[in-house]
Each structure stands twice: as C-alpha cells, then as structure tokens.
Protein backbone atom coordinates (compact mmCIF):
# COMPACT_ATOMS: atom_id res chain seq x y z
CA UNK A 1 30.52 -148.10 56.80
CA UNK A 2 31.83 -149.47 53.48
CA UNK A 3 34.82 -147.75 51.90
CA UNK A 4 35.25 -147.76 48.12
CA UNK A 5 38.27 -146.52 46.18
CA UNK A 6 37.59 -145.54 42.55
CA UNK A 7 40.73 -145.44 40.39
CA UNK A 8 40.52 -144.04 36.86
CA UNK A 9 42.48 -141.43 34.93
CA UNK A 10 39.23 -139.85 33.70
CA UNK A 11 37.93 -137.43 36.32
CA UNK A 12 34.52 -137.42 34.61
CA UNK A 13 34.24 -141.21 34.82
CA UNK A 14 35.34 -141.19 38.48
CA UNK A 15 32.68 -138.63 39.32
CA UNK A 16 29.94 -140.42 37.36
CA UNK A 17 30.78 -143.75 38.96
CA UNK A 18 30.90 -142.18 42.42
CA UNK A 19 27.48 -140.65 41.84
CA UNK A 20 26.10 -144.00 40.66
CA UNK A 21 27.26 -145.89 43.74
CA UNK A 22 26.56 -143.17 46.25
CA UNK A 23 24.32 -144.52 49.00
CA UNK A 24 24.04 -144.46 52.76
CA UNK A 25 26.86 -146.26 54.46
CA UNK A 26 29.35 -145.94 51.57
CA UNK A 27 32.39 -143.67 51.77
CA UNK A 28 34.02 -143.00 48.40
CA UNK A 29 37.63 -142.04 47.78
CA UNK A 30 39.20 -141.47 44.36
CA UNK A 31 42.60 -141.72 42.70
CA UNK A 32 43.68 -140.70 39.20
CA UNK A 33 46.43 -143.30 38.71
CA UNK A 34 47.89 -146.43 40.20
CA UNK A 35 50.56 -144.70 42.28
CA UNK A 36 47.98 -142.52 44.01
CA UNK A 37 45.72 -145.55 44.48
CA UNK A 38 48.46 -147.56 46.20
CA UNK A 39 49.14 -144.71 48.63
CA UNK A 40 45.44 -144.30 49.37
CA UNK A 41 45.07 -148.06 49.83
CA UNK A 42 47.92 -148.08 52.36
CA UNK A 43 46.45 -145.11 54.23
CA UNK A 44 42.86 -146.29 54.55
CA UNK A 45 42.26 -149.85 53.36
CA UNK A 46 39.01 -149.80 51.37
CA UNK A 47 36.49 -152.63 51.31
CA UNK A 48 36.44 -152.46 47.51
CA UNK A 49 38.63 -151.01 44.77
CA UNK A 50 37.17 -150.24 41.34
CA UNK A 51 40.29 -150.10 39.17
CA UNK A 52 40.81 -148.98 35.58
CA UNK A 53 43.42 -150.94 33.61
CA UNK A 54 44.90 -148.29 31.30
CA UNK A 55 46.31 -145.31 33.23
CA UNK A 56 49.47 -143.20 33.26
CA UNK A 57 52.34 -143.59 35.78
CA UNK A 58 51.25 -146.99 37.10
CA UNK A 59 48.70 -149.00 35.14
CA UNK A 60 45.90 -151.07 36.62
CA UNK A 61 47.72 -154.40 36.38
CA UNK A 62 50.74 -153.08 38.28
CA UNK A 63 48.50 -151.35 40.81
CA UNK A 64 46.50 -154.57 41.26
CA UNK A 65 49.74 -156.50 41.82
CA UNK A 66 50.87 -154.03 44.50
CA UNK A 67 47.48 -154.06 46.23
CA UNK A 68 47.43 -157.87 46.27
CA UNK A 69 50.92 -157.85 47.86
CA UNK A 70 49.60 -155.51 50.55
CA UNK A 71 46.45 -157.56 51.09
CA UNK A 72 45.99 -160.90 49.29
CA UNK A 73 42.28 -160.82 50.21
CA UNK A 74 41.68 -157.37 48.69
CA UNK A 75 38.42 -156.93 46.79
CA UNK A 76 39.36 -155.39 43.45
CA UNK A 77 37.09 -155.16 40.44
CA UNK A 78 38.67 -154.07 37.17
CA UNK A 79 36.76 -151.55 35.07
CA UNK A 80 38.12 -150.72 31.63
CA UNK A 81 37.43 -150.06 27.99
CA UNK A 82 40.09 -152.68 27.20
CA UNK A 83 38.30 -155.90 26.34
CA UNK A 84 41.26 -158.18 25.66
CA UNK A 85 40.47 -161.61 27.08
CA UNK A 86 44.16 -162.07 27.80
CA UNK A 87 44.33 -158.85 29.84
CA UNK A 88 41.18 -159.73 31.78
CA UNK A 89 42.45 -163.27 32.45
CA UNK A 90 45.78 -161.89 33.67
CA UNK A 91 44.03 -159.49 36.08
CA UNK A 92 41.90 -162.35 37.42
CA UNK A 93 45.05 -164.48 37.89
CA UNK A 94 46.70 -161.63 39.79
CA UNK A 95 43.72 -161.50 42.14
CA UNK A 96 40.95 -159.28 40.76
CA UNK A 97 37.52 -160.48 41.83
CA UNK A 98 35.82 -159.42 38.61
CA UNK A 99 35.85 -157.29 35.48
CA UNK A 100 33.29 -154.83 34.14
CA UNK A 101 33.80 -153.43 30.61
CA UNK A 102 33.19 -149.67 30.59
CA UNK A 103 30.99 -150.11 27.53
CA UNK A 104 28.66 -152.33 29.57
CA UNK A 105 28.67 -150.14 32.64
CA UNK A 106 25.45 -148.19 32.12
CA UNK A 107 25.77 -145.91 35.13
CA UNK A 108 22.19 -144.70 35.08
CA UNK A 109 20.95 -148.28 34.81
CA UNK A 110 23.06 -149.26 37.80
CA UNK A 111 21.50 -146.40 39.75
CA UNK A 112 17.93 -147.27 38.88
CA UNK A 113 17.91 -151.07 39.10
CA UNK A 114 20.08 -152.19 41.99
CA UNK A 115 21.89 -150.84 44.97
CA UNK A 116 25.64 -150.76 44.81
CA UNK A 117 25.80 -153.36 47.58
CA UNK A 118 23.74 -155.80 45.50
CA UNK A 119 25.99 -155.37 42.47
CA UNK A 120 29.15 -155.90 44.52
CA UNK A 121 27.62 -158.90 46.29
CA UNK A 122 26.77 -160.44 42.89
CA UNK A 123 30.29 -159.97 41.54
CA UNK A 124 32.08 -161.11 44.68
CA UNK A 125 29.62 -163.98 45.21
CA UNK A 126 30.13 -165.23 41.65
CA UNK A 127 33.91 -165.20 42.18
CA UNK A 128 33.64 -167.13 45.47
CA UNK A 129 31.37 -169.76 43.86
CA UNK A 130 33.84 -170.33 40.99
C-alpha cells in the first residue's frame, strides 16, 4: 500500500488533492504546516510527500530540508502558487523530485485522465532520467 503525505496550509486544497489522488492501494495523511509534516514523516514514513512551499510555522523549503536529512532518498514533490524559478531551483537542489505549480494542477483533469500512480511515475521517472 502506498502512503502519501499532503502538506498545505489550505485545508480545502488538501481535501481536494486527497480526493483527486484517492485510489485503491493509496493511504493519505495530511499536515497543515511543515512542523506537523516532519512529525508525521518521522512517525510513518510516506512513499511520497506533496509539499506546499509557503506555509506558517515551518515553510516548505525548511520542511524539505528536514525530510531530506531524515531520508536522503525521500520522494518529495513541491506544489505551490509560488512560481519563482529561483525558489523551484533551490527546492530541487535540496532534494525535491519535482514541482507542480498550483495554477497548473487541474485536480479534476488529474482525476479523469490518469491514475495518481501514473502521474507520480512520470514525475519521478523524469527526475531519475535527468
């Protein structure tokens, strides 16, 4: 069973994303900020973390750094409305496997065109090929 941790300060976005990726064999956990995400990561290491960049208490970059210290092979995909190339490049340097702008994340399209597994495989496969 695949475990996914969704980290975003917007409860609505967390719920919508969880609904979009809901499928057999996927267990979803959620966190509202980086501190909560780090604790959840320590308690039950997920196969994938979908991580917002801009959050209170502990932002996505700091959370990503902590997760990568815990597990350098962690699969983390950043999801954010921030589209600064510098921010994205920094997250990729820290260890994120990919980045999806929230504006491009058409949740209903994701639901109707591909399974969550296919989307993750595409992102992680593209990173491994690079």
